[in-house]
Amino acid sequence: MTQFDPVFIAIGTLGVLVFVITSMLGMGFSLTIPQIMTALKNRKLVITTLVANFVLVPILALLIVGFIPLSEGLQVGLILVGFAAGAPFLPKLVQMAKGDMAFTAGLMVLLMVITVAYLPIVLPFVLTGVQVHPLEIARSLVVLMLIPLAFALFVRARYEEVAKGLIPTMSMAANLSLAALFIGYFVGYSDVTYGVLGTGGILTSILLVVGAVIIGYLLGGTDKNNKTVLALGTGQRNLAAAFAIASSNFATNPEVLIEIMDVAVIGFIILMFIAGEFGRRSAQ
């Protein structure tokens, strides 16, 4: 019989909440409204960004789960990540790649806000046979992501120095809570974690991340800066949104969380390498 450790699971669940909220606060504290709006003036680039993240990558995720046999929980986890775009970690990757930080700011906020509206509408049609509550998904995303982001943007607009001073604290809190999340869930669901090995969960994670990067790069147009940002921005999925939905809607199926963590770890390694390569080429 599978045994779960309730203490570590509670630590992982708390880590999810802190990670999502502090990620959104850190994003808002570091951005200004003019930065966001300036980056969104290129309508053609905005459209290709939306197509890449909300049409092509979701289709890729569905193709992967359609061709590679996975358990229901792993399928749901991969679909959640594939359909969720707009990652708070993106600026760090683009900074490594020496890309356009202004476009990055606008891209990140645009994708994150649309994700909040997109997932509750689309997931019930995609996850057929799985009980999904659209209102619960919308509520969790609005409360955990949209409200903290709006609050942080307001603070940045009215109290700039205070907002800037809080950025390192939010970054540290997000990193520590992410570590607590991984440790808590990996230990708490250790039996499930080991059971996922060899089931295709890791392979599908690699295919999703690499495929998303290629999609973003190809749709980035002719400008190298835009190609770099869109490649990294499309490859880096919105883990905060995926974790928020998984912890509030699929808490009884730990494989959903495990698959999201697989994508998180594998995606981090792959994208750090790609960002470093972009940065070296830019320097040359």
C-alpha atoms as a PDB file:
ATOM      1  CA  MET A   1       0.000   0.000   0.000  1.00  0.00           C
ATOM      2  CA  THR A   2       1.303   3.448  -0.923  1.00  0.00           C
ATOM      3  CA  GLN A   3       2.222   5.550   2.115  1.00  0.00           C
ATOM      4  CA  PHE A   4       2.195   9.369   2.042  1.00  0.00           C
ATOM      5  CA  ASP A   5       3.908  11.612   4.587  1.00  0.00           C
ATOM      6  CA  PRO A   6       1.339  14.292   5.596  1.00  0.00           C
ATOM      7  CA  VAL A   7       3.952  16.601   7.148  1.00  0.00           C
ATOM      8  CA  PHE A   8       6.064  16.872   3.992  1.00  0.00           C
ATOM      9  CA  ILE A   9       2.946  17.118   1.834  1.00  0.00           C
ATOM     10  CA  ALA A  10       1.797  20.066   3.965  1.00  0.00           C
ATOM     11  CA  ILE A  11       5.241  21.654   3.512  1.00  0.00           C
ATOM     12  CA  GLY A  12       4.967  21.180  -0.258  1.00  0.00           C
ATOM     13  CA  THR A  13       1.461  22.679  -0.345  1.00  0.00           C
ATOM     14  CA  LEU A  14       2.573  25.695   1.676  1.00  0.00           C
ATOM     15  CA  GLY A  15       5.560  26.013  -0.662  1.00  0.00           C
ATOM     16  CA  VAL A  16       3.196  26.193  -3.649  1.00  0.00           C
ATOM     17  CA  LEU A  17       1.201  29.045  -2.127  1.00  0.00           C
ATOM     18  CA  VAL A  18       4.265  31.058  -1.107  1.00  0.00           C
ATOM     19  CA  PHE A  19       6.021  30.429  -4.436  1.00  0.00           C
ATOM     20  CA  VAL A  20       3.062  31.554  -6.555  1.00  0.00           C
ATOM     21  CA  ILE A  21       2.303  34.684  -4.529  1.00  0.00           C
ATOM     22  CA  THR A  22       5.911  35.845  -4.090  1.00  0.00           C
ATOM     23  CA  SER A  23       6.635  35.207  -7.780  1.00  0.00           C
ATOM     24  CA  MET A  24       3.741  37.461  -8.756  1.00  0.00           C
ATOM     25  CA  LEU A  25       4.717  40.143  -6.228  1.00  0.00           C
ATOM     26  CA  GLY A  26       8.322  40.077  -7.409  1.00  0.00           C
ATOM     27  CA  MET A  27       7.199  40.420 -11.016  1.00  0.00           C
ATOM     28  CA  GLY A  28       4.976  43.402 -10.227  1.00  0.00           C
ATOM     29  CA  PHE A  29       7.542  45.164  -8.063  1.00  0.00           C
ATOM     30  CA  SER A  30      10.138  44.957 -10.849  1.00  0.00           C
ATOM     31  CA  LEU A  31       7.957  46.323 -13.681  1.00  0.00           C
ATOM     32  CA  THR A  32       6.354  49.613 -14.624  1.00  0.00           C
ATOM     33  CA  ILE A  33       3.232  50.115 -16.726  1.00  0.00           C
ATOM     34  CA  PRO A  34       5.149  52.034 -19.464  1.00  0.00           C
ATOM     35  CA  GLN A  35       7.622  49.137 -19.751  1.00  0.00           C
ATOM     36  CA  ILE A  36       4.785  46.718 -20.302  1.00  0.00           C
ATOM     37  CA  MET A  37       2.901  48.884 -22.795  1.00  0.00           C
ATOM     38  CA  THR A  38       5.982  49.780 -24.857  1.00  0.00           C
ATOM     39  CA  ALA A  39       6.758  46.139 -25.447  1.00  0.00           C
ATOM     40  CA  LEU A  40       3.245  45.457 -26.715  1.00  0.00           C
ATOM     41  CA  LYS A  41       3.222  48.030 -29.534  1.00  0.00           C
ATOM     42  CA  ASN A  42       4.507  45.525 -32.089  1.00  0.00           C
ATOM     43  CA  ARG A  43       1.162  43.915 -32.949  1.00  0.00           C
ATOM     44  CA  LYS A  44       2.600  41.309 -35.296  1.00  0.00           C
ATOM     45  CA  LEU A  45       5.009  40.095 -32.628  1.00  0.00           C
ATOM     46  CA  VAL A  46       2.242  40.038 -30.023  1.00  0.00           C
ATOM     47  CA  ILE A  47       0.059  37.903 -32.311  1.00  0.00           C
ATOM     48  CA  THR A  48       2.843  35.408 -33.050  1.00  0.00           C
ATOM     49  CA  THR A  49       3.588  35.254 -29.321  1.00  0.00           C
ATOM     50  CA  LEU A  50      -0.032  34.379 -28.560  1.00  0.00           C
ATOM     51  CA  VAL A  51      -0.180  31.794 -31.355  1.00  0.00           C
ATOM     52  CA  ALA A  52       3.023  30.142 -30.173  1.00  0.00           C
ATOM     53  CA  ASN A  53       1.987  29.942 -26.517  1.00  0.00           C
ATOM     54  CA  PHE A  54      -1.749  29.370 -26.646  1.00  0.00           C
ATOM     55  CA  VAL A  55      -2.165  27.408 -29.889  1.00  0.00           C
ATOM     56  CA  LEU A  56       1.007  25.612 -30.987  1.00  0.00           C
ATOM     57  CA  VAL A  57       2.508  24.595 -27.623  1.00  0.00           C
ATOM     58  CA  PRO A  58      -0.861  23.304 -26.323  1.00  0.00           C
ATOM     59  CA  ILE A  59      -1.242  21.300 -29.547  1.00  0.00           C
ATOM     60  CA  LEU A  60       2.282  19.959 -28.989  1.00  0.00           C
ATOM     61  CA  ALA A  61       1.340  18.889 -25.453  1.00  0.00           C
ATOM     62  CA  LEU A  62      -1.761  17.091 -26.708  1.00  0.00           C
ATOM     63  CA  LEU A  63       0.234  15.340 -29.439  1.00  0.00           C
ATOM     64  CA  ILE A  64       2.818  14.179 -26.910  1.00  0.00           C
ATOM     65  CA  VAL A  65       0.243  12.677 -24.537  1.00  0.00           C
ATOM     66  CA  GLY A  66      -1.555  11.194 -27.546  1.00  0.00           C
ATOM     67  CA  PHE A  67       1.505   9.334 -28.864  1.00  0.00           C
ATOM     68  CA  ILE A  68       3.332   8.428 -25.638  1.00  0.00           C
ATOM     69  CA  PRO A  69       1.433   6.200 -23.170  1.00  0.00           C
ATOM     70  CA  LEU A  70       1.118   7.935 -19.792  1.00  0.00           C
ATOM     71  CA  SER A  71      -1.041   7.508 -16.723  1.00  0.00           C
ATOM     72  CA  GLU A  72      -3.919   9.949 -16.300  1.00  0.00           C
ATOM     73  CA  GLY A  73      -2.083  11.974 -13.655  1.00  0.00           C
ATOM     74  CA  LEU A  74       1.034  12.439 -15.791  1.00  0.00           C
ATOM     75  CA  GLN A  75      -1.109  13.418 -18.773  1.00  0.00           C
ATOM     76  CA  VAL A  76      -2.939  16.064 -16.737  1.00  0.00           C
ATOM     77  CA  GLY A  77       0.335  17.438 -15.369  1.00  0.00           C
ATOM     78  CA  LEU A  78       1.905  17.767 -18.805  1.00  0.00           C
ATOM     79  CA  ILE A  79      -1.236  19.380 -20.236  1.00  0.00           C
ATOM     80  CA  LEU A  80      -1.394  21.901 -17.390  1.00  0.00           C
ATOM     81  CA  VAL A  81       2.191  22.985 -18.044  1.00  0.00           C
ATOM     82  CA  GLY A  82       1.738  22.962 -21.803  1.00  0.00           C
ATOM     83  CA  PHE A  83      -1.316  25.198 -21.638  1.00  0.00           C
ATOM     84  CA  ALA A  84       0.044  27.650 -19.005  1.00  0.00           C
ATOM     85  CA  ALA A  85       2.274  30.458 -20.295  1.00  0.00           C
ATOM     86  CA  GLY A  86       3.969  33.493 -18.760  1.00  0.00           C
ATOM     87  CA  ALA A  87       6.803  32.587 -16.383  1.00  0.00           C
ATOM     88  CA  PRO A  88       8.163  34.966 -13.684  1.00  0.00           C
ATOM     89  CA  PHE A  89      11.625  33.405 -14.103  1.00  0.00           C
ATOM     90  CA  LEU A  90      11.880  34.563 -17.721  1.00  0.00           C
ATOM     91  CA  PRO A  91      13.813  37.837 -17.084  1.00  0.00           C
ATOM     92  CA  LYS A  92      16.697  35.902 -15.511  1.00  0.00           C
ATOM     93  CA  LEU A  93      16.956  33.666 -18.571  1.00  0.00           C
ATOM     94  CA  VAL A  94      16.796  36.602 -20.984  1.00  0.00           C
ATOM     95  CA  GLN A  95      19.433  38.439 -18.952  1.00  0.00           C
ATOM     96  CA  MET A  96      21.736  35.432 -19.336  1.00  0.00           C
ATOM     97  CA  ALA A  97      20.991  35.384 -23.062  1.00  0.00           C
ATOM     98  CA  LYS A  98      21.672  39.159 -23.349  1.00  0.00           C
ATOM     99  CA  GLY A  99      18.209  39.624 -24.878  1.00  0.00           C
ATOM    100  CA  ASP A 100      15.715  42.499 -24.978  1.00  0.00           C
ATOM    101  CA  MET A 101      14.545  43.066 -21.395  1.00  0.00           C
ATOM    102  CA  ALA A 102      11.836  45.583 -22.399  1.00  0.00           C
ATOM    103  CA  PHE A 103      10.109  43.082 -24.692  1.00  0.00           C
ATOM    104  CA  THR A 104      10.549  40.438 -22.001  1.00  0.00           C
ATOM    105  CA  ALA A 105       8.580  42.489 -19.462  1.00  0.00           C
ATOM    106  CA  GLY A 106       5.637  42.997 -21.770  1.00  0.00           C
ATOM    107  CA  LEU A 107       5.684  39.404 -22.995  1.00  0.00           C
ATOM    108  CA  MET A 108       5.739  38.006 -19.467  1.00  0.00           C
ATOM    109  CA  VAL A 109       2.782  40.030 -18.196  1.00  0.00           C
ATOM    110  CA  LEU A 110       0.743  39.537 -21.380  1.00  0.00           C
ATOM    111  CA  LEU A 111       1.111  35.758 -21.278  1.00  0.00           C
ATOM    112  CA  MET A 112       0.459  35.545 -17.546  1.00  0.00           C
ATOM    113  CA  VAL A 113      -2.742  37.606 -17.645  1.00  0.00           C
ATOM    114  CA  ILE A 114      -4.143  35.718 -20.651  1.00  0.00           C
ATOM    115  CA  THR A 115      -3.288  32.406 -18.982  1.00  0.00           C
ATOM    116  CA  VAL A 116      -5.532  33.321 -16.048  1.00  0.00           C
ATOM    117  CA  ALA A 117      -8.501  33.789 -18.417  1.00  0.00           C
ATOM    118  CA  TYR A 118      -7.530  31.023 -20.864  1.00  0.00           C
ATOM    119  CA  LEU A 119      -7.106  27.991 -18.598  1.00  0.00           C
ATOM    120  CA  PRO A 120     -10.566  27.931 -16.934  1.00  0.00           C
ATOM    121  CA  ILE A 121     -12.198  28.107 -20.382  1.00  0.00           C
ATOM    122  CA  VAL A 122     -10.035  25.592 -22.251  1.00  0.00           C
ATOM    123  CA  LEU A 123      -9.140  22.910 -19.689  1.00  0.00           C
ATOM    124  CA  PRO A 124     -12.685  21.502 -19.236  1.00  0.00           C
ATOM    125  CA  PHE A 125     -12.781  20.753 -22.984  1.00  0.00           C
ATOM    126  CA  VAL A 126      -9.271  19.277 -23.073  1.00  0.00           C
ATOM    127  CA  LEU A 127      -9.294  17.147 -19.937  1.00  0.00           C
ATOM    128  CA  THR A 128     -12.193  14.949 -21.014  1.00  0.00           C
ATOM    129  CA  GLY A 129     -12.988  12.236 -18.514  1.00  0.00           C
ATOM    130  CA  VAL A 130     -11.312  14.172 -15.711  1.00  0.00           C
ATOM    131  CA  GLN A 131     -13.386  16.153 -13.234  1.00  0.00           C
ATOM    132  CA  VAL A 132     -12.473  19.822 -13.702  1.00  0.00           C
ATOM    133  CA  HIS A 133     -14.038  22.820 -11.959  1.00  0.00           C
ATOM    134  CA  PRO A 134     -13.658  25.955 -14.150  1.00  0.00           C
ATOM    135  CA  LEU A 135     -14.758  28.344 -11.408  1.00  0.00           C
ATOM    136  CA  GLU A 136     -12.306  26.817  -8.942  1.00  0.00           C
ATOM    137  CA  ILE A 137      -9.492  27.101 -11.489  1.00  0.00           C
ATOM    138  CA  ALA A 138     -10.396  30.731 -12.194  1.00  0.00           C
ATOM    139  CA  ARG A 139     -10.657  31.541  -8.499  1.00  0.00           C
ATOM    140  CA  SER A 140      -7.283  30.028  -7.627  1.00  0.00           C
ATOM    141  CA  LEU A 141      -5.550  31.843 -10.488  1.00  0.00           C
ATOM    142  CA  VAL A 142      -7.153  35.206  -9.739  1.00  0.00           C
ATOM    143  CA  VAL A 143      -6.502  35.031  -5.997  1.00  0.00           C
ATOM    144  CA  LEU A 144      -2.985  33.622  -6.160  1.00  0.00           C
ATOM    145  CA  MET A 145      -1.706  35.376  -9.297  1.00  0.00           C
ATOM    146  CA  LEU A 146      -3.750  38.268 -10.654  1.00  0.00           C
ATOM    147  CA  ILE A 147      -4.486  40.068  -7.380  1.00  0.00           C
ATOM    148  CA  PRO A 148      -0.859  39.928  -6.105  1.00  0.00           C
ATOM    149  CA  LEU A 149       0.408  41.118  -9.500  1.00  0.00           C
ATOM    150  CA  ALA A 150      -2.062  44.023  -9.622  1.00  0.00           C
ATOM    151  CA  PHE A 151      -1.196  44.995  -6.053  1.00  0.00           C
ATOM    152  CA  ALA A 152       2.548  44.921  -6.775  1.00  0.00           C
ATOM    153  CA  LEU A 153       2.156  47.005  -9.945  1.00  0.00           C
ATOM    154  CA  PHE A 154       0.153  49.557  -7.927  1.00  0.00           C
ATOM    155  CA  VAL A 155       2.862  49.724  -5.246  1.00  0.00           C
ATOM    156  CA  ARG A 156       5.557  50.117  -7.917  1.00  0.00           C
ATOM    157  CA  ALA A 157       3.611  52.983  -9.536  1.00  0.00           C
ATOM    158  CA  ARG A 158       3.008  54.829  -6.254  1.00  0.00           C
ATOM    159  CA  TYR A 159       5.995  53.868  -4.092  1.00  0.00           C
ATOM    160  CA  GLU A 160       8.836  53.004  -6.445  1.00  0.00           C
ATOM    161  CA  GLU A 161      11.644  52.893  -3.876  1.00  0.00           C
ATOM    162  CA  VAL A 162       9.637  50.652  -1.564  1.00  0.00           C
ATOM    163  CA  ALA A 163       8.858  48.284  -4.457  1.00  0.00           C
ATOM    164  CA  LYS A 164      12.490  48.124  -5.565  1.00  0.00           C
ATOM    165  CA  GLY A 165      13.583  47.409  -2.011  1.00  0.00           C
ATOM    166  CA  LEU A 166      11.184  44.466  -1.786  1.00  0.00           C
ATOM    167  CA  ILE A 167      12.371  42.755  -4.984  1.00  0.00           C
ATOM    168  CA  PRO A 168      15.321  40.859  -3.382  1.00  0.00           C
ATOM    169  CA  THR A 169      13.066  39.676  -0.546  1.00  0.00           C
ATOM    170  CA  MET A 170      10.442  38.376  -2.970  1.00  0.00           C
ATOM    171  CA  SER A 171      13.102  36.674  -5.063  1.00  0.00           C
ATOM    172  CA  MET A 172      14.595  34.950  -2.027  1.00  0.00           C
ATOM    173  CA  ALA A 173      11.159  33.909  -0.761  1.00  0.00           C
ATOM    174  CA  ALA A 174      10.226  32.489  -4.172  1.00  0.00           C
ATOM    175  CA  ASN A 175      13.470  30.512  -4.421  1.00  0.00           C
ATOM    176  CA  LEU A 176      13.209  29.128  -0.877  1.00  0.00           C
ATOM    177  CA  SER A 177       9.538  28.221  -1.262  1.00  0.00           C
ATOM    178  CA  LEU A 178      10.283  26.498  -4.578  1.00  0.00           C
ATOM    179  CA  ALA A 179      12.929  24.419  -2.817  1.00  0.00           C
ATOM    180  CA  ALA A 180      10.452  23.626  -0.016  1.00  0.00           C
ATOM    181  CA  LEU A 181       7.866  22.693  -2.629  1.00  0.00           C
ATOM    182  CA  PHE A 182      10.191  20.204  -4.323  1.00  0.00           C
ATOM    183  CA  ILE A 183      11.492  18.677  -1.108  1.00  0.00           C
ATOM    184  CA  GLY A 184       8.043  18.470   0.445  1.00  0.00           C
ATOM    185  CA  TYR A 185       6.338  16.801  -2.496  1.00  0.00           C
ATOM    186  CA  PHE A 186       9.240  14.558  -3.503  1.00  0.00           C
ATOM    187  CA  VAL A 187       9.580  13.208   0.053  1.00  0.00           C
ATOM    188  CA  GLY A 188       5.865  13.242   0.836  1.00  0.00           C
ATOM    189  CA  TYR A 189       5.021  11.363  -2.353  1.00  0.00           C
ATOM    190  CA  SER A 190       8.280   9.399  -2.529  1.00  0.00           C
ATOM    191  CA  ASP A 191       6.561   6.157  -3.570  1.00  0.00           C
ATOM    192  CA  VAL A 192       4.838   7.899  -6.466  1.00  0.00           C
ATOM    193  CA  THR A 193       8.018   9.786  -7.399  1.00  0.00           C
ATOM    194  CA  TYR A 194      10.026   6.585  -7.781  1.00  0.00           C
ATOM    195  CA  GLY A 195       7.113   4.953  -9.588  1.00  0.00           C
ATOM    196  CA  VAL A 196       7.139   7.674 -12.261  1.00  0.00           C
ATOM    197  CA  LEU A 197      10.704   6.801 -13.299  1.00  0.00           C
ATOM    198  CA  GLY A 198      10.668   4.880 -16.552  1.00  0.00           C
ATOM    199  CA  THR A 199       7.020   5.662 -17.301  1.00  0.00           C
ATOM    200  CA  GLY A 200       7.681   8.314 -19.938  1.00  0.00           C
ATOM    201  CA  GLY A 201       7.156  11.316 -17.664  1.00  0.00           C
ATOM    202  CA  ILE A 202      10.729  12.531 -18.048  1.00  0.00           C
ATOM    203  CA  LEU A 203      10.833  11.939 -21.814  1.00  0.00           C
ATOM    204  CA  THR A 204       7.608  13.882 -22.342  1.00  0.00           C
ATOM    205  CA  SER A 205       8.962  16.751 -20.239  1.00  0.00           C
ATOM    206  CA  ILE A 206      12.041  16.998 -22.467  1.00  0.00           C
ATOM    207  CA  LEU A 207       9.948  16.864 -25.638  1.00  0.00           C
ATOM    208  CA  LEU A 208       7.604  19.598 -24.405  1.00  0.00           C
ATOM    209  CA  VAL A 209      10.344  22.030 -23.346  1.00  0.00           C
ATOM    210  CA  VAL A 210      12.554  21.519 -26.409  1.00  0.00           C
ATOM    211  CA  GLY A 211       9.581  21.633 -28.761  1.00  0.00           C
ATOM    212  CA  ALA A 212       8.294  24.856 -27.156  1.00  0.00           C
ATOM    213  CA  VAL A 213      11.708  26.507 -27.523  1.00  0.00           C
ATOM    214  CA  ILE A 214      11.841  25.581 -31.214  1.00  0.00           C
ATOM    215  CA  ILE A 215       8.310  26.901 -31.781  1.00  0.00           C
ATOM    216  CA  GLY A 216       9.146  30.211 -30.123  1.00  0.00           C
ATOM    217  CA  TYR A 217      12.407  30.587 -32.004  1.00  0.00           C
ATOM    218  CA  LEU A 218      10.844  29.887 -35.396  1.00  0.00           C
ATOM    219  CA  LEU A 219       8.003  32.348 -34.796  1.00  0.00           C
ATOM    220  CA  GLY A 220      10.301  35.102 -33.522  1.00  0.00           C
ATOM    221  CA  GLY A 221      10.727  36.653 -36.972  1.00  0.00           C
ATOM    222  CA  THR A 222      14.034  37.905 -38.341  1.00  0.00           C
ATOM    223  CA  ASP A 223      15.176  39.983 -35.354  1.00  0.00           C
ATOM    224  CA  LYS A 224      17.630  37.957 -33.241  1.00  0.00           C
ATOM    225  CA  ASN A 225      16.591  39.656 -29.991  1.00  0.00           C
ATOM    226  CA  ASN A 226      12.938  38.801 -30.569  1.00  0.00           C
ATOM    227  CA  LYS A 227      13.804  35.217 -31.527  1.00  0.00           C
ATOM    228  CA  THR A 228      15.820  34.817 -28.325  1.00  0.00           C
ATOM    229  CA  VAL A 229      13.129  36.219 -26.048  1.00  0.00           C
ATOM    230  CA  LEU A 230      10.294  34.335 -27.713  1.00  0.00           C
ATOM    231  CA  ALA A 231      12.232  31.060 -27.695  1.00  0.00           C
ATOM    232  CA  LEU A 232      12.944  31.321 -23.957  1.00  0.00           C
ATOM    233  CA  GLY A 233       9.520  32.775 -23.152  1.00  0.00           C
ATOM    234  CA  THR A 234       7.717  29.975 -24.953  1.00  0.00           C
ATOM    235  CA  GLY A 235       9.981  27.273 -23.550  1.00  0.00           C
ATOM    236  CA  GLN A 236       9.621  28.508 -19.963  1.00  0.00           C
ATOM    237  CA  ARG A 237       6.075  27.514 -19.028  1.00  0.00           C
ATOM    238  CA  ASN A 238       4.082  29.046 -16.192  1.00  0.00           C
ATOM    239  CA  LEU A 239       4.883  26.716 -13.302  1.00  0.00           C
ATOM    240  CA  ALA A 240       3.137  29.016 -10.831  1.00  0.00           C
ATOM    241  CA  ALA A 241      -0.199  28.651 -12.650  1.00  0.00           C
ATOM    242  CA  ALA A 242       0.250  24.897 -13.147  1.00  0.00           C
ATOM    243  CA  PHE A 243       1.100  24.344  -9.469  1.00  0.00           C
ATOM    244  CA  ALA A 244      -1.802  26.558  -8.348  1.00  0.00           C
ATOM    245  CA  ILE A 245      -4.304  24.531 -10.380  1.00  0.00           C
ATOM    246  CA  ALA A 246      -2.783  21.161  -9.485  1.00  0.00           C
ATOM    247  CA  SER A 247      -2.692  21.820  -5.743  1.00  0.00           C
ATOM    248  CA  SER A 248      -6.277  23.122  -5.633  1.00  0.00           C
ATOM    249  CA  ASN A 249      -7.950  20.825  -8.198  1.00  0.00           C
ATOM    250  CA  PHE A 250      -5.875  17.624  -8.373  1.00  0.00           C
ATOM    251  CA  ALA A 251      -4.484  17.305  -4.847  1.00  0.00           C
ATOM    252  CA  THR A 252      -5.715  13.698  -4.644  1.00  0.00           C
ATOM    253  CA  ASN A 253      -3.575  12.651  -7.618  1.00  0.00           C
ATOM    254  CA  PRO A 254       0.097  13.282  -6.748  1.00  0.00           C
ATOM    255  CA  GLU A 255       1.262  12.238 -10.233  1.00  0.00           C
ATOM    256  CA  VAL A 256      -0.055  15.568 -11.555  1.00  0.00           C
ATOM    257  CA  LEU A 257       2.292  17.472  -9.240  1.00  0.00           C
ATOM    258  CA  ILE A 258       5.175  15.092  -9.915  1.00  0.00           C
ATOM    259  CA  GLU A 259       4.923  15.640 -13.682  1.00  0.00           C
ATOM    260  CA  ILE A 260       4.868  19.424 -13.241  1.00  0.00           C
ATOM    261  CA  MET A 261       8.002  19.121 -11.107  1.00  0.00           C
ATOM    262  CA  ASP A 262       9.618  16.983 -13.806  1.00  0.00           C
ATOM    263  CA  VAL A 263       9.010  19.731 -16.350  1.00  0.00           C
ATOM    264  CA  ALA A 264      10.254  22.334 -13.863  1.00  0.00           C
ATOM    265  CA  VAL A 265      13.584  20.621 -13.183  1.00  0.00           C
ATOM    266  CA  ILE A 266      14.238  19.467 -16.743  1.00  0.00           C
ATOM    267  CA  GLY A 267      13.072  22.751 -18.214  1.00  0.00           C
ATOM    268  CA  PHE A 268      15.322  24.730 -15.879  1.00  0.00           C
ATOM    269  CA  ILE A 269      18.388  22.735 -16.927  1.00  0.00           C
ATOM    270  CA  ILE A 270      17.609  22.888 -20.650  1.00  0.00           C
ATOM    271  CA  LEU A 271      16.689  26.582 -20.678  1.00  0.00           C
ATOM    272  CA  MET A 272      19.714  27.628 -18.620  1.00  0.00           C
ATOM    273  CA  PHE A 273      21.927  25.885 -21.168  1.00  0.00           C
ATOM    274  CA  ILE A 274      20.106  27.462 -24.122  1.00  0.00           C
ATOM    275  CA  ALA A 275      20.166  30.929 -22.529  1.00  0.00           C
ATOM    276  CA  GLY A 276      23.899  30.570 -21.931  1.00  0.00           C
ATOM    277  CA  GLU A 277      24.448  29.617 -25.561  1.00  0.00           C
ATOM    278  CA  PHE A 278      22.408  32.614 -26.752  1.00  0.00           C
ATOM    279  CA  GLY A 279      24.448  34.843 -24.457  1.00  0.00           C
ATOM    280  CA  ARG A 280      27.777  33.551 -25.779  1.00  0.00           C
ATOM    281  CA  ARG A 281      26.695  34.010 -29.385  1.00  0.00           C
ATOM    282  CA  SER A 282      25.500  37.530 -28.636  1.00  0.00           C
ATOM    283  CA  ALA A 283      28.830  38.394 -27.019  1.00  0.00           C
ATOM    284  CA  GLN A 284      30.733  37.078 -30.056  1.00  0.00           C
END
